[in-house]
N, C-alpha and C. Protein backbone atom coordinates (compact mmCIF):
# COMPACT_ATOMS: atom_id res chain seq x y z
N MET A 1 81.31 110.20 170.16
CA MET A 1 80.41 110.11 169.18
C MET A 1 80.27 108.80 169.30
N ALA A 2 78.40 108.89 168.88
CA ALA A 2 77.81 107.70 168.17
C ALA A 2 78.63 107.05 167.39
N ARG A 3 78.43 105.37 167.83
CA ARG A 3 79.43 104.61 166.82
C ARG A 3 78.26 103.86 165.57
N LEU A 4 77.06 103.89 165.99
CA LEU A 4 76.33 103.59 165.48
C LEU A 4 74.78 103.76 165.29
N LEU A 5 74.12 103.93 164.21
CA LEU A 5 72.58 104.16 164.72
C LEU A 5 72.26 103.13 163.62
N VAL A 6 70.88 102.96 164.51
CA VAL A 6 69.95 101.56 163.62
C VAL A 6 68.63 101.92 163.79
N LEU A 7 68.04 102.15 162.62
CA LEU A 7 67.13 102.39 162.11
C LEU A 7 65.90 101.70 161.93
N ASP A 8 64.45 102.12 162.77
CA ASP A 8 63.67 101.35 161.65
C ASP A 8 63.40 100.96 160.41
N LEU A 9 62.74 100.35 159.54
CA LEU A 9 62.70 100.38 158.06
C LEU A 9 61.09 101.46 157.87
N ASP A 10 60.07 100.56 158.12
CA ASP A 10 58.58 101.50 157.39
C ASP A 10 58.20 102.11 159.00
N GLY A 11 57.96 103.84 157.83
CA GLY A 11 57.73 105.04 158.53
C GLY A 11 58.81 105.50 159.47
N THR A 12 60.10 104.73 159.10
CA THR A 12 61.61 105.35 159.37
C THR A 12 61.78 106.03 158.23
N LEU A 13 62.58 105.18 158.17
CA LEU A 13 63.60 105.35 156.55
C LEU A 13 62.44 105.29 155.05
N VAL A 14 61.26 104.39 155.42
CA VAL A 14 60.90 104.21 153.98
C VAL A 14 59.40 105.16 154.14
N ASP A 15 58.66 105.53 153.33
CA ASP A 15 57.08 105.27 153.66
C ASP A 15 56.62 104.43 152.48
N SER A 16 56.04 102.87 153.37
CA SER A 16 55.67 102.24 152.30
C SER A 16 54.11 102.09 152.65
N SER A 17 53.29 102.69 153.66
CA SER A 17 51.95 102.89 153.65
C SER A 17 50.99 102.72 152.56
N ARG A 18 50.89 102.91 151.60
CA ARG A 18 50.16 102.51 150.33
C ARG A 18 49.81 100.63 149.49
N ASP A 19 51.68 100.79 149.67
CA ASP A 19 52.03 99.51 149.38
C ASP A 19 51.42 98.31 150.50
N ILE A 20 51.41 98.77 151.66
CA ILE A 20 51.07 97.33 152.83
C ILE A 20 49.35 97.58 152.71
N ALA A 21 49.12 98.77 152.69
CA ALA A 21 47.49 99.00 152.59
C ALA A 21 47.04 98.01 151.11
N ALA A 22 47.82 98.38 150.29
CA ALA A 22 47.02 97.88 148.96
C ALA A 22 47.15 96.04 149.33
N ALA A 23 48.33 95.79 149.68
CA ALA A 23 48.44 94.54 149.97
C ALA A 23 47.68 93.85 151.29
N VAL A 24 47.18 94.51 152.06
CA VAL A 24 46.18 94.07 152.99
C VAL A 24 44.49 94.04 152.55
N ASN A 25 44.28 94.89 151.60
CA ASN A 25 43.15 94.78 150.79
C ASN A 25 43.08 94.24 149.90
N ALA A 26 44.08 93.48 148.66
CA ALA A 26 44.44 92.67 148.12
C ALA A 26 43.61 91.38 148.45
N THR A 27 44.79 91.38 149.93
CA THR A 27 44.22 89.92 150.49
C THR A 27 43.08 89.43 151.13
N LEU A 28 42.13 90.88 151.34
CA LEU A 28 41.30 91.14 151.89
C LEU A 28 39.60 90.49 150.43
N ALA A 29 40.22 91.22 150.02
CA ALA A 29 39.40 90.74 148.72
C ALA A 29 39.23 89.14 147.92
N ARG A 30 40.32 88.94 147.96
CA ARG A 30 40.44 87.48 147.94
C ARG A 30 39.63 86.50 148.46
N LEU A 31 39.52 87.48 149.84
CA LEU A 31 38.86 86.28 150.72
C LEU A 31 37.20 86.70 150.81
N ARG A 32 36.48 87.40 150.45
CA ARG A 32 35.04 88.44 150.64
C ARG A 32 35.13 88.97 149.64
N PRO A 33 35.32 88.91 148.24
CA PRO A 33 35.16 89.52 147.01
C PRO A 33 33.58 90.18 147.13
N GLY A 34 34.25 91.54 146.85
CA GLY A 34 32.89 92.84 147.00
C GLY A 34 33.23 93.73 148.21
N GLY A 35 33.96 93.33 149.31
CA GLY A 35 33.86 93.73 150.61
C GLY A 35 34.47 95.20 150.43
N ALA A 36 34.09 96.05 151.78
CA ALA A 36 34.52 97.08 151.76
C ALA A 36 36.29 97.38 151.87
N ALA A 37 37.33 97.85 151.61
CA ALA A 37 38.40 98.37 151.58
C ALA A 37 38.63 98.57 153.13
N ILE A 38 39.47 98.23 153.83
CA ILE A 38 39.97 99.07 155.15
C ILE A 38 40.41 100.77 154.66
N PRO A 39 40.60 101.32 154.84
CA PRO A 39 41.06 102.87 155.18
C PRO A 39 42.56 102.73 155.28
N LEU A 40 43.41 103.52 154.41
CA LEU A 40 44.68 103.76 154.77
C LEU A 40 45.09 104.00 156.58
N GLU A 41 44.28 105.00 156.20
CA GLU A 41 44.58 105.51 157.79
C GLU A 41 44.40 104.55 159.03
N ARG A 42 43.74 103.43 158.71
CA ARG A 42 43.36 102.72 159.70
C ARG A 42 44.37 101.45 159.78
N ILE A 43 45.16 100.83 158.39
CA ILE A 43 45.65 100.02 158.70
C ILE A 43 47.05 100.28 159.14
N LEU A 44 47.27 101.87 159.16
CA LEU A 44 48.61 101.86 159.64
C LEU A 44 48.63 102.32 160.64
N GLY A 45 47.29 101.80 161.70
CA GLY A 45 47.27 101.70 162.80
C GLY A 45 47.76 100.20 163.90
N PHE A 46 47.44 99.55 162.34
CA PHE A 46 47.86 98.14 162.68
C PHE A 46 49.04 97.55 162.28
N VAL A 47 50.25 98.46 161.82
CA VAL A 47 51.27 98.14 161.40
C VAL A 47 52.29 98.11 162.85
N GLY A 48 53.70 97.93 162.27
CA GLY A 48 54.37 98.23 163.44
C GLY A 48 55.20 97.11 164.57
N GLU A 49 54.44 95.76 164.47
CA GLU A 49 54.49 94.55 165.39
C GLU A 49 54.73 93.49 164.70
N GLY A 50 54.35 93.50 163.70
CA GLY A 50 54.92 91.92 162.45
C GLY A 50 53.85 91.47 161.76
N ALA A 51 53.98 91.44 160.77
CA ALA A 51 52.79 90.73 159.82
C ALA A 51 51.99 90.09 160.32
N ARG A 52 52.04 89.36 160.99
CA ARG A 52 51.68 88.84 161.94
C ARG A 52 49.86 89.14 162.42
N LEU A 53 50.57 90.42 163.47
CA LEU A 53 49.47 91.19 163.81
C LEU A 53 48.70 91.98 163.17
N LEU A 54 49.62 92.20 162.50
CA LEU A 54 48.56 93.04 161.36
C LEU A 54 47.78 92.52 160.68
N ILE A 55 47.41 91.33 159.94
CA ILE A 55 46.52 90.16 160.03
C ILE A 55 45.45 90.41 160.93
N GLU A 56 46.14 89.98 162.60
CA GLU A 56 45.01 89.61 162.81
C GLU A 56 43.81 90.76 163.16
N ARG A 57 44.58 91.98 163.25
CA ARG A 57 44.08 93.45 163.51
C ARG A 57 43.36 93.67 161.82
N SER A 58 43.76 93.32 161.21
CA SER A 58 42.99 93.40 160.28
C SER A 58 42.02 92.44 159.89
N LEU A 59 41.97 91.13 160.35
CA LEU A 59 40.74 90.55 159.67
C LEU A 59 39.72 90.77 161.02
N ALA A 60 40.44 91.44 162.14
CA ALA A 60 38.86 91.66 163.05
C ALA A 60 38.88 92.71 162.71
N HIS A 61 39.02 93.94 162.38
CA HIS A 61 38.38 94.42 161.91
C HIS A 61 37.18 94.59 160.85
N ALA A 62 37.72 93.97 159.89
CA ALA A 62 36.88 93.39 159.12
C ALA A 62 35.90 92.36 159.74
N GLY A 63 35.99 91.82 161.12
CA GLY A 63 35.10 91.00 160.77
C GLY A 63 34.95 89.56 160.83
N LEU A 64 36.19 89.27 160.18
CA LEU A 64 36.00 87.89 159.55
C LEU A 64 36.54 86.73 160.52
N VAL A 65 36.54 85.64 160.27
CA VAL A 65 37.02 84.64 161.88
C VAL A 65 38.05 83.52 160.68
N LEU A 66 38.93 83.68 160.11
CA LEU A 66 39.81 83.04 159.81
C LEU A 66 41.25 82.53 160.20
N SER A 67 41.83 81.42 159.76
CA SER A 67 43.16 81.15 160.03
C SER A 67 43.64 82.26 160.33
N VAL A 68 44.78 82.85 160.95
CA VAL A 68 45.90 84.21 160.84
C VAL A 68 46.89 83.56 159.91
N ASP A 69 46.90 82.19 159.99
CA ASP A 69 48.42 81.28 159.63
C ASP A 69 47.84 81.71 157.84
N GLU A 70 46.69 80.85 157.81
CA GLU A 70 46.60 80.58 156.13
C GLU A 70 46.92 82.51 155.36
N VAL A 71 46.11 83.31 156.39
CA VAL A 71 45.42 84.73 155.45
C VAL A 71 47.53 84.97 155.52
N LEU A 72 47.77 85.05 156.45
CA LEU A 72 48.98 85.66 156.40
C LEU A 72 49.96 85.26 155.16
N ALA A 73 49.68 83.92 155.02
CA ALA A 73 50.63 83.47 153.56
C ALA A 73 50.19 84.44 152.67
N VAL A 74 48.76 84.28 152.68
CA VAL A 74 48.59 85.17 151.34
C VAL A 74 48.71 86.83 150.90
N TYR A 75 48.83 87.23 152.24
CA TYR A 75 49.08 88.16 152.87
C TYR A 75 50.63 88.98 152.28
N LEU A 76 51.57 87.83 152.63
CA LEU A 76 52.84 87.89 152.07
C LEU A 76 53.09 87.82 150.43
N GLU A 77 52.13 86.60 150.02
CA GLU A 77 51.80 86.68 148.90
C GLU A 77 52.23 87.96 147.68
N CYS A 78 50.29 88.46 148.19
CA CYS A 78 50.22 89.87 147.82
C CYS A 78 51.28 91.09 148.26
N TYR A 79 52.11 90.97 149.27
CA TYR A 79 52.82 92.07 149.51
C TYR A 79 54.12 91.78 148.72
N ARG A 80 54.75 90.63 148.24
CA ARG A 80 55.84 90.36 147.73
C ARG A 80 55.72 90.83 146.29
N GLU A 81 54.28 90.97 145.80
CA GLU A 81 53.96 91.12 143.95
C GLU A 81 54.18 93.05 144.03
N ARG A 82 53.99 93.94 145.19
CA ARG A 82 53.77 95.12 145.79
C ARG A 82 55.10 96.03 145.69
N LEU A 83 55.83 95.35 146.56
CA LEU A 83 56.95 95.36 147.54
C LEU A 83 57.66 97.23 146.90
N LEU A 84 57.46 97.81 145.94
CA LEU A 84 58.55 98.85 145.56
C LEU A 84 57.48 99.33 144.59
N ASP A 85 56.25 99.43 144.34
CA ASP A 85 54.71 99.61 143.22
C ASP A 85 55.51 101.57 143.78
N THR A 86 54.79 101.85 145.43
CA THR A 86 55.02 103.24 145.61
C THR A 86 55.40 103.53 146.29
N THR A 87 56.46 102.18 147.72
CA THR A 87 57.33 102.73 148.81
C THR A 87 58.39 103.80 148.03
N ARG A 88 58.74 104.58 148.87
CA ARG A 88 59.88 105.23 148.67
C ARG A 88 60.72 105.66 150.12
N LEU A 89 61.66 106.67 150.16
CA LEU A 89 62.46 106.69 151.13
C LEU A 89 61.21 108.25 151.24
N TYR A 90 61.98 108.34 152.33
CA TYR A 90 61.04 110.28 152.72
C TYR A 90 62.19 111.15 152.48
N PRO A 91 61.51 112.09 151.85
CA PRO A 91 62.07 113.36 151.47
C PRO A 91 63.22 113.63 151.98
N GLY A 92 64.73 113.57 151.67
CA GLY A 92 66.07 114.19 152.68
C GLY A 92 66.44 112.78 153.28
N MET A 93 65.81 111.82 152.82
CA MET A 93 66.72 110.53 153.43
C MET A 93 67.95 110.21 152.84
N ALA A 94 67.46 110.08 151.27
CA ALA A 94 68.52 109.69 150.75
C ALA A 94 70.05 110.94 151.19
N GLU A 95 70.07 112.05 151.11
CA GLU A 95 70.95 112.76 150.99
C GLU A 95 71.48 112.76 152.64
N ALA A 96 70.89 111.89 153.42
CA ALA A 96 71.43 112.19 154.92
C ALA A 96 71.86 110.96 155.08
N LEU A 97 71.51 109.76 154.22
CA LEU A 97 72.40 108.36 154.69
C LEU A 97 73.47 108.52 153.94
N GLU A 98 73.75 109.35 152.23
CA GLU A 98 74.88 109.96 152.25
C GLU A 98 75.93 110.67 152.80
N ARG A 99 75.48 111.72 153.51
CA ARG A 99 76.42 112.42 154.16
C ARG A 99 77.22 111.27 155.36
N LEU A 100 75.75 110.56 156.11
CA LEU A 100 75.95 109.73 157.34
C LEU A 100 77.31 108.69 156.96
N GLY A 101 77.46 108.65 155.61
CA GLY A 101 78.17 107.39 155.24
C GLY A 101 79.31 108.33 155.42
N HIS A 102 80.10 109.85 155.47
CA HIS A 102 81.21 110.06 155.56
C HIS A 102 81.10 110.83 156.92
N THR A 103 80.26 110.46 157.75
CA THR A 103 80.86 111.02 159.20
C THR A 103 81.50 109.83 160.13
N GLY A 104 81.10 108.52 159.68
CA GLY A 104 82.04 107.59 160.76
C GLY A 104 81.11 106.86 161.24
N PRO A 105 79.76 107.31 161.43
CA PRO A 105 79.04 105.90 162.03
C PRO A 105 78.61 104.86 161.75
N ALA A 106 78.53 103.61 162.07
CA ALA A 106 78.05 102.55 161.51
C ALA A 106 76.17 102.61 161.36
N LEU A 107 75.59 102.16 159.86
CA LEU A 107 74.04 102.17 159.93
C LEU A 107 73.86 100.65 159.91
N ALA A 108 72.52 100.54 160.56
CA ALA A 108 71.68 99.57 160.39
C ALA A 108 70.30 99.21 160.33
N VAL A 109 69.78 98.71 159.81
CA VAL A 109 68.30 98.52 159.96
C VAL A 109 67.92 97.46 160.85
N LEU A 110 66.72 97.28 162.12
CA LEU A 110 66.37 96.40 162.48
C LEU A 110 64.60 96.76 162.48
N THR A 111 64.07 95.77 161.75
CA THR A 111 62.53 95.86 161.63
C THR A 111 61.39 94.43 161.83
N ASN A 112 60.72 94.91 162.20
CA ASN A 112 59.93 94.32 162.15
C ASN A 112 59.17 93.27 160.62
N LYS A 113 59.26 93.97 159.59
CA LYS A 113 59.04 93.35 158.28
C LYS A 113 59.80 91.90 158.18
N PRO A 114 59.50 91.11 157.16
CA PRO A 114 60.18 89.97 156.82
C PRO A 114 61.62 90.60 156.56
N GLY A 115 62.94 90.12 156.87
CA GLY A 115 64.37 90.66 157.08
C GLY A 115 64.66 90.20 154.72
N ASP A 116 64.00 89.71 154.11
CA ASP A 116 64.27 89.13 152.83
C ASP A 116 63.14 90.15 151.98
N MET A 117 62.48 90.55 152.70
CA MET A 117 61.51 91.84 151.53
C MET A 117 62.02 93.06 152.25
N SER A 118 62.84 93.20 153.25
CA SER A 118 62.94 94.59 153.58
C SER A 118 64.61 94.57 152.60
N ARG A 119 65.46 93.87 152.71
CA ARG A 119 66.61 93.96 151.86
C ARG A 119 66.32 94.22 150.45
N THR A 120 65.52 93.48 149.96
CA THR A 120 64.82 93.91 148.40
C THR A 120 64.16 95.24 148.54
N ILE A 121 63.72 95.60 149.35
CA ILE A 121 63.25 96.88 149.24
C ILE A 121 64.46 97.89 149.32
N LEU A 122 65.67 97.92 150.17
CA LEU A 122 66.61 98.84 150.38
C LEU A 122 67.35 98.49 148.68
N GLU A 123 67.24 97.77 148.39
CA GLU A 123 68.21 97.33 147.12
C GLU A 123 67.42 97.78 146.05
N GLY A 124 66.29 97.79 146.30
CA GLY A 124 65.36 98.10 144.82
C GLY A 124 65.21 100.20 144.79
N LEU A 125 65.68 100.10 146.28
CA LEU A 125 65.99 102.15 146.30
C LEU A 125 67.12 102.55 146.12
N GLY A 126 68.30 101.27 145.96
CA GLY A 126 69.62 101.88 145.88
C GLY A 126 70.02 102.30 146.99
N VAL A 127 69.81 102.10 148.40
CA VAL A 127 70.56 102.38 149.31
C VAL A 127 71.42 100.86 150.41
N ALA A 128 70.80 99.66 150.01
CA ALA A 128 71.24 98.56 150.62
C ALA A 128 72.74 99.14 150.87
N SER A 129 73.37 99.50 150.31
CA SER A 129 75.30 99.52 150.65
C SER A 129 75.57 100.43 151.81
N ARG A 130 74.53 101.21 152.17
CA ARG A 130 74.87 102.46 153.33
C ARG A 130 74.47 101.44 154.50
N PHE A 131 74.28 100.36 154.70
CA PHE A 131 73.79 99.71 156.23
C PHE A 131 74.78 98.42 155.74
N ALA A 132 75.45 98.08 157.10
CA ALA A 132 76.09 97.15 157.49
C ALA A 132 75.65 96.13 157.64
N ARG A 133 74.30 96.10 158.12
CA ARG A 133 73.77 94.95 158.23
C ARG A 133 71.58 95.21 158.45
N VAL A 134 70.85 94.82 157.94
CA VAL A 134 70.17 94.73 157.84
C VAL A 134 68.89 94.02 158.20
N LEU A 135 68.35 93.26 159.32
CA LEU A 135 67.81 92.44 160.25
C LEU A 135 66.29 92.35 160.27
N GLY A 136 65.05 91.53 159.89
CA GLY A 136 64.12 91.63 160.18
C GLY A 136 63.36 90.33 160.50
N ALA A 137 62.07 90.13 160.50
CA ALA A 137 61.71 89.19 161.09
C ALA A 137 62.27 88.10 159.99
N GLY A 138 62.53 86.95 160.55
CA GLY A 138 62.61 85.32 160.63
C GLY A 138 64.44 85.63 160.39
N ASP A 139 64.98 86.80 160.48
CA ASP A 139 66.69 86.66 160.85
C ASP A 139 67.25 86.76 162.50
N VAL A 140 66.39 87.42 163.24
CA VAL A 140 66.57 87.27 164.65
C VAL A 140 65.18 86.30 165.40
N PRO A 141 65.82 85.70 166.23
CA PRO A 141 64.46 84.93 167.41
C PRO A 141 63.00 85.81 167.69
N ALA A 142 63.07 86.75 167.95
CA ALA A 142 62.11 87.33 168.36
C ALA A 142 62.24 88.67 167.78
N ARG A 143 60.62 89.62 167.97
CA ARG A 143 60.61 90.71 167.06
C ARG A 143 60.50 92.16 167.96
N LYS A 144 60.67 92.84 167.32
CA LYS A 144 60.48 94.08 168.54
C LYS A 144 59.38 94.38 169.12
N PRO A 145 59.12 94.68 170.40
CA PRO A 145 59.93 95.14 171.54
C PRO A 145 61.02 94.47 171.91
N ASP A 146 61.14 92.87 171.85
CA ASP A 146 62.08 92.26 172.49
C ASP A 146 63.40 92.71 171.71
N PRO A 147 64.68 93.26 172.40
CA PRO A 147 65.82 93.34 172.14
C PRO A 147 66.62 92.31 171.59
N ALA A 148 66.29 91.04 171.42
CA ALA A 148 67.34 90.20 170.73
C ALA A 148 67.71 90.76 169.16
N GLY A 149 67.02 91.08 168.09
CA GLY A 149 67.53 91.82 167.05
C GLY A 149 68.79 93.26 167.32
N LEU A 150 68.49 94.14 168.16
CA LEU A 150 69.57 95.00 168.20
C LEU A 150 70.84 94.45 169.67
N VAL A 151 70.23 93.65 170.09
CA VAL A 151 71.53 93.11 170.75
C VAL A 151 72.60 92.45 170.18
N ALA A 152 71.34 91.65 168.80
CA ALA A 152 72.72 90.67 167.65
C ALA A 152 73.17 91.68 167.03
N LEU A 153 72.66 93.24 166.57
CA LEU A 153 73.61 93.95 165.97
C LEU A 153 74.61 94.56 166.84
N LEU A 154 74.40 95.09 167.93
CA LEU A 154 75.50 95.65 168.93
C LEU A 154 76.97 94.64 168.73
N ASP A 155 76.56 93.06 169.01
CA ASP A 155 77.15 92.70 169.12
C ASP A 155 78.52 91.85 167.99
N ALA A 156 77.27 91.99 166.66
CA ALA A 156 78.20 91.59 165.45
C ALA A 156 79.08 92.87 164.87
N LEU A 157 78.59 94.37 165.07
CA LEU A 157 79.50 95.08 164.89
C LEU A 157 80.35 95.93 165.80
N GLY A 158 80.78 94.86 167.27
CA GLY A 158 81.47 95.41 168.18
C GLY A 158 81.25 96.17 168.82
N ILE A 159 80.01 96.78 168.72
CA ILE A 159 79.79 98.57 169.55
C ILE A 159 79.16 98.77 170.80
N PRO A 160 79.16 98.89 171.75
CA PRO A 160 78.70 98.82 173.24
C PRO A 160 77.59 99.94 173.09
N ALA A 161 76.53 99.22 173.93
CA ALA A 161 75.23 99.99 173.90
C ALA A 161 75.15 101.34 173.80
N ALA A 162 76.22 101.90 174.99
CA ALA A 162 76.12 103.61 174.93
C ALA A 162 76.60 104.05 174.06
N GLU A 163 76.91 103.52 173.06
CA GLU A 163 77.53 104.45 172.14
C GLU A 163 76.22 104.19 170.54
N ALA A 164 75.26 103.93 171.07
CA ALA A 164 74.37 103.54 170.05
C ALA A 164 73.11 104.30 170.06
N TRP A 165 72.37 104.16 168.60
CA TRP A 165 71.07 104.57 169.27
C TRP A 165 69.80 104.53 168.07
N MET A 166 68.76 103.71 168.23
CA MET A 166 68.04 103.20 168.17
C MET A 166 67.07 104.59 167.67
N VAL A 167 66.60 104.64 166.28
CA VAL A 167 65.74 105.35 165.34
C VAL A 167 64.49 104.74 165.07
N GLY A 168 63.15 105.25 165.16
CA GLY A 168 62.28 104.75 164.62
C GLY A 168 60.76 105.48 165.05
N ASP A 169 59.89 105.03 164.64
CA ASP A 169 58.93 105.77 164.29
C ASP A 169 57.65 105.41 165.40
N SER A 170 57.79 104.92 166.35
CA SER A 170 56.81 104.25 167.18
C SER A 170 57.28 103.53 168.98
N ALA A 171 56.45 103.71 169.53
CA ALA A 171 56.85 103.49 170.83
C ALA A 171 57.48 101.96 170.62
N THR A 172 57.16 100.93 169.98
CA THR A 172 58.29 99.74 169.94
C THR A 172 59.27 99.84 169.56
N ASP A 173 59.48 101.33 168.92
CA ASP A 173 61.17 101.24 168.52
C ASP A 173 62.05 101.60 170.07
N VAL A 174 61.42 102.94 170.42
CA VAL A 174 61.75 103.44 172.22
C VAL A 174 61.57 102.51 173.36
N HIS A 175 61.01 101.38 173.27
CA HIS A 175 60.69 100.42 174.13
C HIS A 175 62.09 99.01 173.94
N THR A 176 61.94 99.03 172.36
CA THR A 176 63.31 97.63 171.87
C THR A 176 64.78 98.65 172.75
N ALA A 177 64.96 100.23 172.41
CA ALA A 177 66.22 100.74 172.90
C ALA A 177 66.54 100.67 174.81
N ARG A 178 65.30 100.85 174.94
CA ARG A 178 65.12 101.10 176.28
C ARG A 178 65.96 99.73 176.90
N ALA A 179 65.15 98.45 176.32
CA ALA A 179 65.65 97.12 176.79
C ALA A 179 66.67 96.52 176.67
N CYS A 180 67.58 97.49 176.42
CA CYS A 180 69.07 96.94 176.11
C CYS A 180 69.82 98.70 176.68
N ALA A 181 69.54 99.44 176.95
CA ALA A 181 69.90 100.45 177.31
C ALA A 181 71.04 101.79 176.04
N VAL A 182 70.18 101.21 175.24
CA VAL A 182 70.29 101.80 173.98
C VAL A 182 69.56 103.43 174.15
N ARG A 183 70.23 104.53 173.82
CA ARG A 183 69.36 105.51 173.05
C ARG A 183 68.23 105.59 172.11
N ALA A 184 67.56 106.41 172.44
CA ALA A 184 66.38 106.33 171.62
C ALA A 184 66.02 107.52 170.97
N ALA A 185 65.91 107.92 169.98
CA ALA A 185 65.64 108.93 168.67
C ALA A 185 63.86 108.37 168.06
N GLY A 186 63.64 109.37 168.08
CA GLY A 186 61.77 109.55 167.22
C GLY A 186 61.61 109.96 166.19
N VAL A 187 61.54 109.85 165.07
CA VAL A 187 61.20 110.88 163.89
C VAL A 187 59.36 111.02 163.93
N ALA A 188 60.14 111.99 163.24
CA ALA A 188 58.12 112.91 163.49
C ALA A 188 57.97 112.70 162.31
N TRP A 189 57.94 112.30 161.54
CA TRP A 189 57.47 112.09 159.92
C TRP A 189 56.94 110.38 159.64
N GLY A 190 56.85 109.66 160.67
CA GLY A 190 56.23 108.31 160.74
C GLY A 190 55.21 108.00 160.97
N PHE A 191 54.76 107.02 161.03
CA PHE A 191 53.14 106.58 161.17
C PHE A 191 52.51 106.55 162.56
N HIS A 192 53.22 106.65 163.48
CA HIS A 192 52.97 106.13 164.30
C HIS A 192 52.73 107.53 165.61
N PRO A 193 52.96 108.92 165.63
CA PRO A 193 53.24 110.13 166.73
C PRO A 193 53.33 110.33 167.42
N ASP A 194 51.57 109.52 167.73
CA ASP A 194 51.07 109.97 168.90
C ASP A 194 51.99 109.22 170.17
N GLY A 195 51.83 107.78 169.84
CA GLY A 195 52.12 106.61 170.32
C GLY A 195 53.94 106.90 170.12
N LEU A 196 54.59 107.35 170.19
CA LEU A 196 56.19 107.60 169.81
C LEU A 196 56.16 108.34 170.75
N ARG A 197 55.65 109.84 170.81
CA ARG A 197 55.56 110.88 171.88
C ARG A 197 55.40 110.37 173.01
N ALA A 198 54.42 109.90 173.20
CA ALA A 198 53.92 108.95 174.75
C ALA A 198 55.22 108.22 175.10
N ALA A 199 55.67 107.38 174.47
CA ALA A 199 56.97 106.51 174.86
C ALA A 199 58.19 107.24 175.56
N GLY A 200 58.56 108.74 174.78
CA GLY A 200 59.18 109.60 175.88
C GLY A 200 60.48 109.50 175.36
N PRO A 201 61.31 109.14 173.54
CA PRO A 201 62.56 109.31 173.14
C PRO A 201 63.07 110.08 173.95
N ASP A 202 64.68 109.83 173.91
CA ASP A 202 65.80 110.63 174.33
C ASP A 202 65.37 112.02 173.14
N ARG A 203 64.96 111.85 172.01
CA ARG A 203 65.07 113.26 171.12
C ARG A 203 63.72 112.90 170.17
N ILE A 204 63.65 113.66 169.25
CA ILE A 204 61.77 113.71 168.41
C ILE A 204 62.94 114.74 167.30
N LEU A 205 63.12 113.78 166.18
CA LEU A 205 63.94 114.72 164.88
C LEU A 205 62.58 115.01 164.29
N GLU A 206 62.54 115.97 163.50
CA GLU A 206 62.02 116.69 162.85
C GLU A 206 62.09 116.26 160.96
N HIS A 207 63.08 116.16 160.97
CA HIS A 207 63.74 116.09 159.03
C HIS A 207 64.54 115.08 159.21
N PRO A 208 64.99 114.17 158.42
CA PRO A 208 66.11 113.59 157.56
C PRO A 208 67.15 114.01 158.41
N ARG A 209 67.80 115.22 157.65
CA ARG A 209 68.97 115.92 157.98
C ARG A 209 69.09 115.66 159.70
N GLU A 210 68.21 115.81 160.81
CA GLU A 210 68.89 116.09 162.00
C GLU A 210 69.18 114.44 162.18
N LEU A 211 69.60 113.24 161.54
CA LEU A 211 70.12 112.42 161.65
C LEU A 211 71.63 112.62 161.65
N LEU A 212 71.97 113.30 161.08
CA LEU A 212 73.29 113.76 161.21
C LEU A 212 74.05 114.41 162.83
N ALA A 213 73.11 115.17 163.20
CA ALA A 213 73.56 115.12 164.56
C ALA A 213 73.56 114.06 165.46
N LEU A 214 72.96 113.27 165.27
CA LEU A 214 72.94 112.01 166.53
C LEU A 214 74.36 111.75 166.23
N ALA A 215 75.38 111.70 165.13
CA ALA A 215 76.08 111.00 164.95
C ALA A 215 77.15 111.64 165.58
N LEU A 216 77.02 112.37 166.40
CA LEU A 216 78.03 113.70 167.67
C LEU A 216 77.60 113.71 168.75
N CYS A 217 76.61 112.67 168.80
CA CYS A 217 76.08 112.60 170.42
C CYS A 217 76.68 111.35 170.78
């Protein structure tokens, strides 16, 4: 039986798409008042590899040549103001997490979102206590697909790679798992379904309740 399920946050545990998009467009509105907003679907294509790349891609899309570091600081400020405006657990996720809490495997979160923001979101949604660890940008030396965060979780919880699953919505999560011989499960409800399937995870989950089956593998 699996002893650890490591879950991605955005697009896996929570649908944060509208808050992320709103923060990106609020940032751009400060820099170019009156400019056209970037559509939600386009912004989702920029998500998954950390806030810096999100801003780099958004600036390129908008045709703006600006300091990424300066714009990133504005984005983080804008995003902190709306972390929980519309962000919610995916339907069925709360129930799955509650049931997993009785089956035995430890639960953890590994995300490229800043760790403090991630913990704030999980606390605000009332599920932070379900997770033994929540690691994000700033908590580990490198972002996914670098396996540093996943290795840190395995070491901290004393669980071998063969007894863990990495669960996410993108190829980045699959590559992270592969980099340290952890099994990879993809979620069909996330932000990057096409890229996820192309990466070839060991399993595709169609609904959060299917997380329960991973605990038996």
